[in-house]
């Protein structure tokens, strides 16, 4: 199965965070911060403007992005966690 976003939605694979502190202490899931960086794995075709024209997204598959902290919908597909955000308004920047 493949995730294909519609409209201006973007599918991001969040980067895994370290589960150990620098001193080697293992952190439980509840103590870890939610990731805010990830790789774009799929983009929708874009939004429609007032005239009915399709406006393509600036981000593309493969871009590394920083996204807002408490946005999107988490989805697990074939054992992999993904985040579906509602367009580029939830993406803060592209890491180059």
PDB file of N, CA and C in Angstrom:
ATOM      1  N   UNK A   1       0.842  -1.175   0.000  1.00  0.00           N
ATOM      2  CA  UNK A   1       0.000   0.000   0.000  1.00  0.00           C
ATOM      3  C   UNK A   1       0.889   1.241   0.000  1.00  0.00           C
ATOM      4  N   UNK A   2       0.427   2.293  -0.643  1.00  0.00           N
ATOM      5  CA  UNK A   2       1.189   3.531  -0.795  1.00  0.00           C
ATOM      6  C   UNK A   2       0.333   4.699  -0.329  1.00  0.00           C
ATOM      7  N   UNK A   3       0.946   5.668   0.353  1.00  0.00           N
ATOM      8  CA  UNK A   3       0.217   6.852   0.800  1.00  0.00           C
ATOM      9  C   UNK A   3       0.333   7.926  -0.273  1.00  0.00           C
ATOM     10  N   UNK A   4      -0.806   8.400  -0.777  1.00  0.00           N
ATOM     11  CA  UNK A   4      -0.827   9.470  -1.779  1.00  0.00           C
ATOM     12  C   UNK A   4      -1.664  10.614  -1.223  1.00  0.00           C
ATOM     13  N   UNK A   5      -1.011  11.710  -0.828  1.00  0.00           N
ATOM     14  CA  UNK A   5      -1.762  12.825  -0.264  1.00  0.00           C
ATOM     15  C   UNK A   5      -2.594  13.539  -1.320  1.00  0.00           C
ATOM     16  N   UNK A   6      -3.696  14.129  -0.884  1.00  0.00           N
ATOM     17  CA  UNK A   6      -4.549  14.882  -1.804  1.00  0.00           C
ATOM     18  C   UNK A   6      -4.441  16.370  -1.493  1.00  0.00           C
ATOM     19  N   UNK A   7      -4.794  17.188  -2.462  1.00  0.00           N
ATOM     20  CA  UNK A   7      -4.767  18.635  -2.265  1.00  0.00           C
ATOM     21  C   UNK A   7      -3.374  19.135  -1.944  1.00  0.00           C
ATOM     22  N   UNK A   8      -3.274  19.948  -0.902  1.00  0.00           N
ATOM     23  CA  UNK A   8      -1.993  20.536  -0.545  1.00  0.00           C
ATOM     24  C   UNK A   8      -1.323  19.817   0.629  1.00  0.00           C
ATOM     25  N   UNK A   9      -1.744  18.615   0.928  1.00  0.00           N
ATOM     26  CA  UNK A   9      -1.163  17.883   2.050  1.00  0.00           C
ATOM     27  C   UNK A   9       0.221  17.331   1.685  1.00  0.00           C
ATOM     28  N   UNK A  10       1.043  17.153   2.742  1.00  0.00           N
ATOM     29  CA  UNK A  10       2.409  16.670   2.578  1.00  0.00           C
ATOM     30  C   UNK A  10       2.634  15.538   3.578  1.00  0.00           C
ATOM     31  N   UNK A  11       3.250  14.436   3.135  1.00  0.00           N
ATOM     32  CA  UNK A  11       3.581  13.313   4.010  1.00  0.00           C
ATOM     33  C   UNK A  11       5.052  13.409   4.355  1.00  0.00           C
ATOM     34  N   UNK A  12       5.353  13.393   5.658  1.00  0.00           N
ATOM     35  CA  UNK A  12       6.718  13.530   6.156  1.00  0.00           C
ATOM     36  C   UNK A  12       7.067  12.307   6.987  1.00  0.00           C
ATOM     37  N   UNK A  13       8.292  11.815   6.814  1.00  0.00           N
ATOM     38  CA  UNK A  13       8.808  10.753   7.681  1.00  0.00           C
ATOM     39  C   UNK A  13       9.678  11.437   8.726  1.00  0.00           C
ATOM     40  N   UNK A  14       9.174  11.550   9.979  1.00  0.00           N
ATOM     41  CA  UNK A  14       9.934  12.239  11.017  1.00  0.00           C
ATOM     42  C   UNK A  14      11.262  11.532  11.293  1.00  0.00           C
ATOM     43  N   UNK A  15      12.287  12.331  11.593  1.00  0.00           N
ATOM     44  CA  UNK A  15      13.592  11.782  11.938  1.00  0.00           C
ATOM     45  C   UNK A  15      13.522  11.202  13.347  1.00  0.00           C
ATOM     46  N   UNK A  16      14.194  10.092  13.531  1.00  0.00           N
ATOM     47  CA  UNK A  16      14.245   9.474  14.854  1.00  0.00           C
ATOM     48  C   UNK A  16      15.184  10.272  15.749  1.00  0.00           C
ATOM     49  N   UNK A  17      14.788  10.499  16.984  1.00  0.00           N
ATOM     50  CA  UNK A  17      15.613  11.202  17.955  1.00  0.00           C
ATOM     51  C   UNK A  17      16.407  10.195  18.774  1.00  0.00           C
ATOM     52  N   UNK A  18      17.496  10.686  19.364  1.00  0.00           N
ATOM     53  CA  UNK A  18      18.305   9.849  20.244  1.00  0.00           C
ATOM     54  C   UNK A  18      17.468   9.407  21.433  1.00  0.00           C
ATOM     55  N   UNK A  19      17.600   8.151  21.812  1.00  0.00           N
ATOM     56  CA  UNK A  19      16.884   7.650  22.976  1.00  0.00           C
ATOM     57  C   UNK A  19      17.800   7.591  24.194  1.00  0.00           C
ATOM     58  N   UNK A  20      19.052   8.064  24.039  1.00  0.00           N
ATOM     59  CA  UNK A  20      20.006   8.112  25.142  1.00  0.00           C
ATOM     60  C   UNK A  20      20.473   9.543  25.349  1.00  0.00           C
ATOM     61  N   UNK A  21      20.748   9.874  26.596  1.00  0.00           N
ATOM     62  CA  UNK A  21      21.370  11.159  26.875  1.00  0.00           C
ATOM     63  C   UNK A  21      22.856  11.040  26.585  1.00  0.00           C
ATOM     64  N   UNK A  22      23.580  12.142  26.643  1.00  0.00           N
ATOM     65  CA  UNK A  22      25.020  12.109  26.396  1.00  0.00           C
ATOM     66  C   UNK A  22      25.746  11.242  27.413  1.00  0.00           C
ATOM     67  N   UNK A  23      25.180  11.143  28.619  1.00  0.00           N
ATOM     68  CA  UNK A  23      25.812  10.319  29.658  1.00  0.00           C
ATOM     69  C   UNK A  23      25.415   8.844  29.558  1.00  0.00           C
ATOM     70  N   UNK A  24      24.567   8.489  28.580  1.00  0.00           N
ATOM     71  CA  UNK A  24      24.219   7.094  28.351  1.00  0.00           C
ATOM     72  C   UNK A  24      22.929   6.628  28.989  1.00  0.00           C
ATOM     73  N   UNK A  25      22.155   7.522  29.579  1.00  0.00           N
ATOM     74  CA  UNK A  25      20.894   7.140  30.220  1.00  0.00           C
ATOM     75  C   UNK A  25      19.828   6.981  29.139  1.00  0.00           C
ATOM     76  N   UNK A  26      19.113   5.853  29.152  1.00  0.00           N
ATOM     77  CA  UNK A  26      18.035   5.605  28.202  1.00  0.00           C
ATOM     78  C   UNK A  26      16.795   6.391  28.608  1.00  0.00           C
ATOM     79  N   UNK A  27      16.189   7.065  27.640  1.00  0.00           N
ATOM     80  CA  UNK A  27      14.985   7.848  27.903  1.00  0.00           C
ATOM     81  C   UNK A  27      13.742   7.065  27.483  1.00  0.00           C
ATOM     82  N   UNK A  28      12.717   7.013  28.340  1.00  0.00           N
ATOM     83  CA  UNK A  28      11.460   6.368  27.923  1.00  0.00           C
ATOM     84  C   UNK A  28      10.745   7.238  26.900  1.00  0.00           C
ATOM     85  N   UNK A  29       9.821   6.636  26.150  1.00  0.00           N
ATOM     86  CA  UNK A  29       9.090   7.377  25.114  1.00  0.00           C
ATOM     87  C   UNK A  29       8.404   8.628  25.659  1.00  0.00           C
ATOM     88  N   UNK A  30       7.879   8.551  26.866  1.00  0.00           N
ATOM     89  CA  UNK A  30       7.154   9.680  27.432  1.00  0.00           C
ATOM     90  C   UNK A  30       8.065  10.869  27.744  1.00  0.00           C
ATOM     91  N   UNK A  31       9.368  10.641  27.883  1.00  0.00           N
ATOM     92  CA  UNK A  31      10.308  11.725  28.195  1.00  0.00           C
ATOM     93  C   UNK A  31      10.966  12.310  26.955  1.00  0.00           C
ATOM     94  N   UNK A  32      10.732  11.707  25.813  1.00  0.00           N
ATOM     95  CA  UNK A  32      11.364  12.177  24.586  1.00  0.00           C
ATOM     96  C   UNK A  32      10.538  13.278  23.946  1.00  0.00           C
ATOM     97  N   UNK A  33      11.249  14.238  23.337  1.00  0.00           N
ATOM     98  CA  UNK A  33      10.556  15.297  22.607  1.00  0.00           C
ATOM     99  C   UNK A  33      10.061  14.765  21.277  1.00  0.00           C
ATOM    100  N   UNK A  34       8.945  15.309  20.834  1.00  0.00           N
ATOM    101  CA  UNK A  34       8.397  14.949  19.535  1.00  0.00           C
ATOM    102  C   UNK A  34       9.330  15.508  18.456  1.00  0.00           C
ATOM    103  N   UNK A  35       9.671  14.707  17.435  1.00  0.00           N
ATOM    104  CA  UNK A  35      10.560  15.225  16.389  1.00  0.00           C
ATOM    105  C   UNK A  35       9.929  16.388  15.639  1.00  0.00           C
ATOM    106  N   UNK A  36      10.781  17.329  15.197  1.00  0.00           N
ATOM    107  CA  UNK A  36      10.283  18.467  14.428  1.00  0.00           C
ATOM    108  C   UNK A  36      10.976  18.552  13.069  1.00  0.00           C
ATOM    109  N   UNK A  37      11.814  17.562  12.755  1.00  0.00           N
ATOM    110  CA  UNK A  37      12.486  17.508  11.467  1.00  0.00           C
ATOM    111  C   UNK A  37      12.130  16.197  10.794  1.00  0.00           C
ATOM    112  N   UNK A  38      12.128  16.218   9.467  1.00  0.00           N
ATOM    113  CA  UNK A  38      11.836  14.992   8.749  1.00  0.00           C
ATOM    114  C   UNK A  38      12.055  15.145   7.265  1.00  0.00           C
ATOM    115  N   UNK A  39      11.839  14.030   6.561  1.00  0.00           N
ATOM    116  CA  UNK A  39      12.014  13.995   5.112  1.00  0.00           C
ATOM    117  C   UNK A  39      10.650  13.917   4.440  1.00  0.00           C
ATOM    118  N   UNK A  40      10.457  14.742   3.427  1.00  0.00           N
ATOM    119  CA  UNK A  40       9.215  14.720   2.660  1.00  0.00           C
ATOM    120  C   UNK A  40       9.222  13.460   1.793  1.00  0.00           C
ATOM    121  N   UNK A  41       8.203  12.619   1.951  1.00  0.00           N
ATOM    122  CA  UNK A  41       8.133  11.382   1.168  1.00  0.00           C
ATOM    123  C   UNK A  41       7.033  11.408   0.116  1.00  0.00           C
ATOM    124  N   UNK A  42       6.096  12.348   0.241  1.00  0.00           N
ATOM    125  CA  UNK A  42       5.034  12.483  -0.769  1.00  0.00           C
ATOM    126  C   UNK A  42       4.401  13.857  -0.637  1.00  0.00           C
ATOM    127  N   UNK A  43       3.999  14.422  -1.770  1.00  0.00           N
ATOM    128  CA  UNK A  43       3.299  15.714  -1.768  1.00  0.00           C
ATOM    129  C   UNK A  43       2.053  15.601  -2.636  1.00  0.00           C
ATOM    130  N   UNK A  44       1.040  16.339  -2.245  1.00  0.00           N
ATOM    131  CA  UNK A  44      -0.179  16.388  -3.041  1.00  0.00           C
ATOM    132  C   UNK A  44       0.031  17.270  -4.268  1.00  0.00           C
ATOM    133  N   UNK A  45      -0.955  17.336  -5.144  1.00  0.00           N
ATOM    134  CA  UNK A  45      -0.816  18.115  -6.371  1.00  0.00           C
ATOM    135  C   UNK A  45      -0.844  19.627  -6.145  1.00  0.00           C
ATOM    136  N   UNK A  46      -1.252  20.089  -4.970  1.00  0.00           N
ATOM    137  CA  UNK A  46      -1.297  21.520  -4.676  1.00  0.00           C
ATOM    138  C   UNK A  46      -2.713  21.984  -4.411  1.00  0.00           C
ATOM    139  N   UNK A  47      -2.823  23.245  -4.032  1.00  0.00           N
ATOM    140  CA  UNK A  47      -4.145  23.804  -3.707  1.00  0.00           C
ATOM    141  C   UNK A  47      -4.742  24.481  -4.940  1.00  0.00           C
ATOM    142  N   UNK A  48      -6.022  24.702  -4.882  1.00  0.00           N
ATOM    143  CA  UNK A  48      -6.718  25.412  -5.953  1.00  0.00           C
ATOM    144  C   UNK A  48      -6.862  26.879  -5.525  1.00  0.00           C
ATOM    145  N   UNK A  49      -6.557  27.810  -6.434  1.00  0.00           N
ATOM    146  CA  UNK A  49      -6.747  29.226  -6.125  1.00  0.00           C
ATOM    147  C   UNK A  49      -8.188  29.636  -6.439  1.00  0.00           C
ATOM    148  N   UNK A  50      -8.490  30.910  -6.250  1.00  0.00           N
ATOM    149  CA  UNK A  50      -9.857  31.406  -6.437  1.00  0.00           C
ATOM    150  C   UNK A  50     -10.353  31.261  -7.875  1.00  0.00           C
ATOM    151  N   UNK A  51      -9.443  31.198  -8.842  1.00  0.00           N
ATOM    152  CA  UNK A  51      -9.822  31.067 -10.253  1.00  0.00           C
ATOM    153  C   UNK A  51      -9.897  29.619 -10.725  1.00  0.00           C
ATOM    154  N   UNK A  52      -9.652  28.682  -9.803  1.00  0.00           N
ATOM    155  CA  UNK A  52      -9.701  27.268 -10.162  1.00  0.00           C
ATOM    156  C   UNK A  52      -8.401  26.731 -10.733  1.00  0.00           C
ATOM    157  N   UNK A  53      -7.319  27.501 -10.629  1.00  0.00           N
ATOM    158  CA  UNK A  53      -6.007  27.040 -11.108  1.00  0.00           C
ATOM    159  C   UNK A  53      -5.260  26.328  -9.997  1.00  0.00           C
ATOM    160  N   UNK A  54      -4.537  25.284 -10.345  1.00  0.00           N
ATOM    161  CA  UNK A  54      -3.759  24.517  -9.382  1.00  0.00           C
ATOM    162  C   UNK A  54      -2.472  25.271  -9.051  1.00  0.00           C
ATOM    163  N   UNK A  55      -2.197  25.475  -7.750  1.00  0.00           N
ATOM    164  CA  UNK A  55      -0.975  26.130  -7.293  1.00  0.00           C
ATOM    165  C   UNK A  55      -0.076  25.039  -6.706  1.00  0.00           C
ATOM    166  N   UNK A  56       1.030  24.683  -7.386  1.00  0.00           N
ATOM    167  CA  UNK A  56       1.888  23.604  -6.893  1.00  0.00           C
ATOM    168  C   UNK A  56       2.617  23.991  -5.610  1.00  0.00           C
ATOM    169  N   UNK A  57       3.036  22.981  -4.866  1.00  0.00           N
ATOM    170  CA  UNK A  57       3.754  23.202  -3.614  1.00  0.00           C
ATOM    171  C   UNK A  57       5.229  23.493  -3.880  1.00  0.00           C
ATOM    172  N   UNK A  58       5.866  24.232  -2.965  1.00  0.00           N
ATOM    173  CA  UNK A  58       7.294  24.523  -3.082  1.00  0.00           C
ATOM    174  C   UNK A  58       8.144  23.333  -2.664  1.00  0.00           C
ATOM    175  N   UNK A  59       7.683  22.570  -1.667  1.00  0.00           N
ATOM    176  CA  UNK A  59       8.472  21.426  -1.203  1.00  0.00           C
ATOM    177  C   UNK A  59       8.309  20.272  -2.183  1.00  0.00           C
ATOM    178  N   UNK A  60       9.326  19.409  -2.197  1.00  0.00           N
ATOM    179  CA  UNK A  60       9.279  18.252  -3.095  1.00  0.00           C
ATOM    180  C   UNK A  60       9.778  17.024  -2.349  1.00  0.00           C
ATOM    181  N   UNK A  61       9.512  15.877  -2.906  1.00  0.00           N
ATOM    182  CA  UNK A  61       9.941  14.617  -2.307  1.00  0.00           C
ATOM    183  C   UNK A  61      11.461  14.639  -2.142  1.00  0.00           C
ATOM    184  N   UNK A  62      11.927  14.237  -0.967  1.00  0.00           N
ATOM    185  CA  UNK A  62      13.355  14.206  -0.674  1.00  0.00           C
ATOM    186  C   UNK A  62      13.848  15.398   0.119  1.00  0.00           C
ATOM    187  N   UNK A  63      13.048  16.474   0.189  1.00  0.00           N
ATOM    188  CA  UNK A  63      13.439  17.643   0.972  1.00  0.00           C
ATOM    189  C   UNK A  63      13.463  17.298   2.458  1.00  0.00           C
ATOM    190  N   UNK A  64      14.464  17.810   3.164  1.00  0.00           N
ATOM    191  CA  UNK A  64      14.502  17.725   4.626  1.00  0.00           C
ATOM    192  C   UNK A  64      13.876  19.008   5.135  1.00  0.00           C
ATOM    193  N   UNK A  65      12.888  18.889   6.022  1.00  0.00           N
ATOM    194  CA  UNK A  65      12.130  20.053   6.474  1.00  0.00           C
ATOM    195  C   UNK A  65      12.039  20.112   7.992  1.00  0.00           C
ATOM    196  N   UNK A  66      11.760  21.312   8.488  1.00  0.00           N
ATOM    197  CA  UNK A  66      11.413  21.531   9.883  1.00  0.00           C
ATOM    198  C   UNK A  66       9.934  21.882   9.887  1.00  0.00           C
ATOM    199  N   UNK A  67       9.163  21.196  10.724  1.00  0.00           N
ATOM    200  CA  UNK A  67       7.725  21.451  10.771  1.00  0.00           C
ATOM    201  C   UNK A  67       7.320  21.871  12.172  1.00  0.00           C
ATOM    202  N   UNK A  68       6.166  22.503  12.280  1.00  0.00           N
ATOM    203  CA  UNK A  68       5.658  22.967  13.566  1.00  0.00           C
ATOM    204  C   UNK A  68       5.473  21.777  14.507  1.00  0.00           C
ATOM    205  N   UNK A  69       5.593  22.045  15.800  1.00  0.00           N
ATOM    206  CA  UNK A  69       5.670  20.976  16.788  1.00  0.00           C
ATOM    207  C   UNK A  69       4.402  20.130  16.947  1.00  0.00           C
ATOM    208  N   UNK A  70       3.254  20.733  17.056  1.00  0.00           N
ATOM    209  CA  UNK A  70       2.043  19.963  17.359  1.00  0.00           C
ATOM    210  C   UNK A  70       1.053  20.032  16.200  1.00  0.00           C
ATOM    211  N   UNK A  71       1.492  19.616  15.019  1.00  0.00           N
ATOM    212  CA  UNK A  71       0.633  19.662  13.832  1.00  0.00           C
ATOM    213  C   UNK A  71       0.525  18.282  13.205  1.00  0.00           C
ATOM    214  N   UNK A  72      -0.430  18.151  12.323  1.00  0.00           N
ATOM    215  CA  UNK A  72      -0.532  16.966  11.495  1.00  0.00           C
ATOM    216  C   UNK A  72      -1.200  15.781  12.162  1.00  0.00           C
ATOM    217  N   UNK A  73      -1.275  14.729  11.372  1.00  0.00           N
ATOM    218  CA  UNK A  73      -1.874  13.472  11.802  1.00  0.00           C
ATOM    219  C   UNK A  73      -0.841  12.374  11.657  1.00  0.00           C
ATOM    220  N   UNK A  74      -0.615  11.629  12.732  1.00  0.00           N
ATOM    221  CA  UNK A  74       0.338  10.523  12.688  1.00  0.00           C
ATOM    222  C   UNK A  74      -0.322   9.298  12.088  1.00  0.00           C
ATOM    223  N   UNK A  75       0.394   8.634  11.180  1.00  0.00           N
ATOM    224  CA  UNK A  75      -0.103   7.445  10.507  1.00  0.00           C
ATOM    225  C   UNK A  75       1.017   6.412  10.508  1.00  0.00           C
ATOM    226  N   UNK A  76       0.675   5.166  10.777  1.00  0.00           N
ATOM    227  CA  UNK A  76       1.654   4.085  10.715  1.00  0.00           C
ATOM    228  C   UNK A  76       1.312   3.218   9.510  1.00  0.00           C
ATOM    229  N   UNK A  77       2.250   3.078   8.592  1.00  0.00           N
ATOM    230  CA  UNK A  77       2.038   2.309   7.369  1.00  0.00           C
ATOM    231  C   UNK A  77       3.165   1.305   7.224  1.00  0.00           C
ATOM    232  N   UNK A  78       2.825   0.020   7.225  1.00  0.00           N
ATOM    233  CA  UNK A  78       3.799  -1.059   7.094  1.00  0.00           C
ATOM    234  C   UNK A  78       4.934  -0.923   8.112  1.00  0.00           C
ATOM    235  N   UNK A  79       4.575  -0.567   9.359  1.00  0.00           N
ATOM    236  CA  UNK A  79       5.536  -0.474  10.445  1.00  0.00           C
ATOM    237  C   UNK A  79       6.347   0.815  10.486  1.00  0.00           C
ATOM    238  N   UNK A  80       6.087   1.746   9.596  1.00  0.00           N
ATOM    239  CA  UNK A  80       6.818   3.011   9.552  1.00  0.00           C
ATOM    240  C   UNK A  80       5.871   4.146   9.934  1.00  0.00           C
ATOM    241  N   UNK A  81       6.346   5.044  10.819  1.00  0.00           N
ATOM    242  CA  UNK A  81       5.540   6.185  11.239  1.00  0.00           C
ATOM    243  C   UNK A  81       5.699   7.341  10.262  1.00  0.00           C
ATOM    244  N   UNK A  82       4.579   7.947   9.884  1.00  0.00           N
ATOM    245  CA  UNK A  82       4.566   9.109   9.004  1.00  0.00           C
ATOM    246  C   UNK A  82       3.718  10.195   9.648  1.00  0.00           C
ATOM    247  N   UNK A  83       3.938  11.427   9.214  1.00  0.00           N
ATOM    248  CA  UNK A  83       3.147  12.557   9.656  1.00  0.00           C
ATOM    249  C   UNK A  83       2.549  13.210   8.416  1.00  0.00           C
ATOM    250  N   UNK A  84       1.238  13.386   8.401  1.00  0.00           N
ATOM    251  CA  UNK A  84       0.573  14.068   7.286  1.00  0.00           C
ATOM    252  C   UNK A  84       0.224  15.465   7.771  1.00  0.00           C
ATOM    253  N   UNK A  85       0.826  16.481   7.127  1.00  0.00           N
ATOM    254  CA  UNK A  85       0.560  17.868   7.507  1.00  0.00           C
ATOM    255  C   UNK A  85      -0.316  18.519   6.459  1.00  0.00           C
ATOM    256  N   UNK A  86      -1.016  19.555   6.882  1.00  0.00           N
ATOM    257  CA  UNK A  86      -1.986  20.220   6.018  1.00  0.00           C
ATOM    258  C   UNK A  86      -1.314  21.338   5.218  1.00  0.00           C
ATOM    259  N   UNK A  87      -0.475  20.961   4.302  1.00  0.00           N
ATOM    260  CA  UNK A  87       0.147  21.924   3.410  1.00  0.00           C
ATOM    261  C   UNK A  87       1.389  22.578   3.972  1.00  0.00           C
ATOM    262  N   UNK A  88       1.869  23.536   3.221  1.00  0.00           N
ATOM    263  CA  UNK A  88       3.127  24.187   3.564  1.00  0.00           C
ATOM    264  C   UNK A  88       2.994  25.135   4.746  1.00  0.00           C
ATOM    265  N   UNK A  89       1.778  25.477   5.149  1.00  0.00           N
ATOM    266  CA  UNK A  89       1.630  26.360   6.314  1.00  0.00           C
ATOM    267  C   UNK A  89       2.141  25.695   7.594  1.00  0.00           C
ATOM    268  N   UNK A  90       2.181  24.343   7.631  1.00  0.00           N
ATOM    269  CA  UNK A  90       2.694  23.621   8.790  1.00  0.00           C
ATOM    270  C   UNK A  90       4.190  23.360   8.697  1.00  0.00           C
ATOM    271  N   UNK A  91       4.773  23.603   7.528  1.00  0.00           N
ATOM    272  CA  UNK A  91       6.213  23.401   7.316  1.00  0.00           C
ATOM    273  C   UNK A  91       6.885  24.763   7.485  1.00  0.00           C
ATOM    274  N   UNK A  92       7.873  24.830   8.373  1.00  0.00           N
ATOM    275  CA  UNK A  92       8.501  26.106   8.692  1.00  0.00           C
ATOM    276  C   UNK A  92       9.647  26.446   7.752  1.00  0.00           C
ATOM    277  N   UNK A  93      10.428  25.446   7.342  1.00  0.00           N
ATOM    278  CA  UNK A  93      11.541  25.716   6.424  1.00  0.00           C
ATOM    279  C   UNK A  93      12.063  24.418   5.838  1.00  0.00           C
ATOM    280  N   UNK A  94      12.860  24.562   4.772  1.00  0.00           N
ATOM    281  CA  UNK A  94      13.548  23.450   4.138  1.00  0.00           C
ATOM    282  C   UNK A  94      15.011  23.533   4.564  1.00  0.00           C
ATOM    283  N   UNK A  95      15.573  22.406   4.986  1.00  0.00           N
ATOM    284  CA  UNK A  95      16.983  22.350   5.392  1.00  0.00           C
ATOM    285  C   UNK A  95      17.812  22.059   4.150  1.00  0.00           C
ATOM    286  N   UNK A  96      18.741  22.962   3.819  1.00  0.00           N
ATOM    287  CA  UNK A  96      19.580  22.782   2.629  1.00  0.00           C
ATOM    288  C   UNK A  96      21.009  22.462   3.016  1.00  0.00           C
TER     289      UNK A  96
END
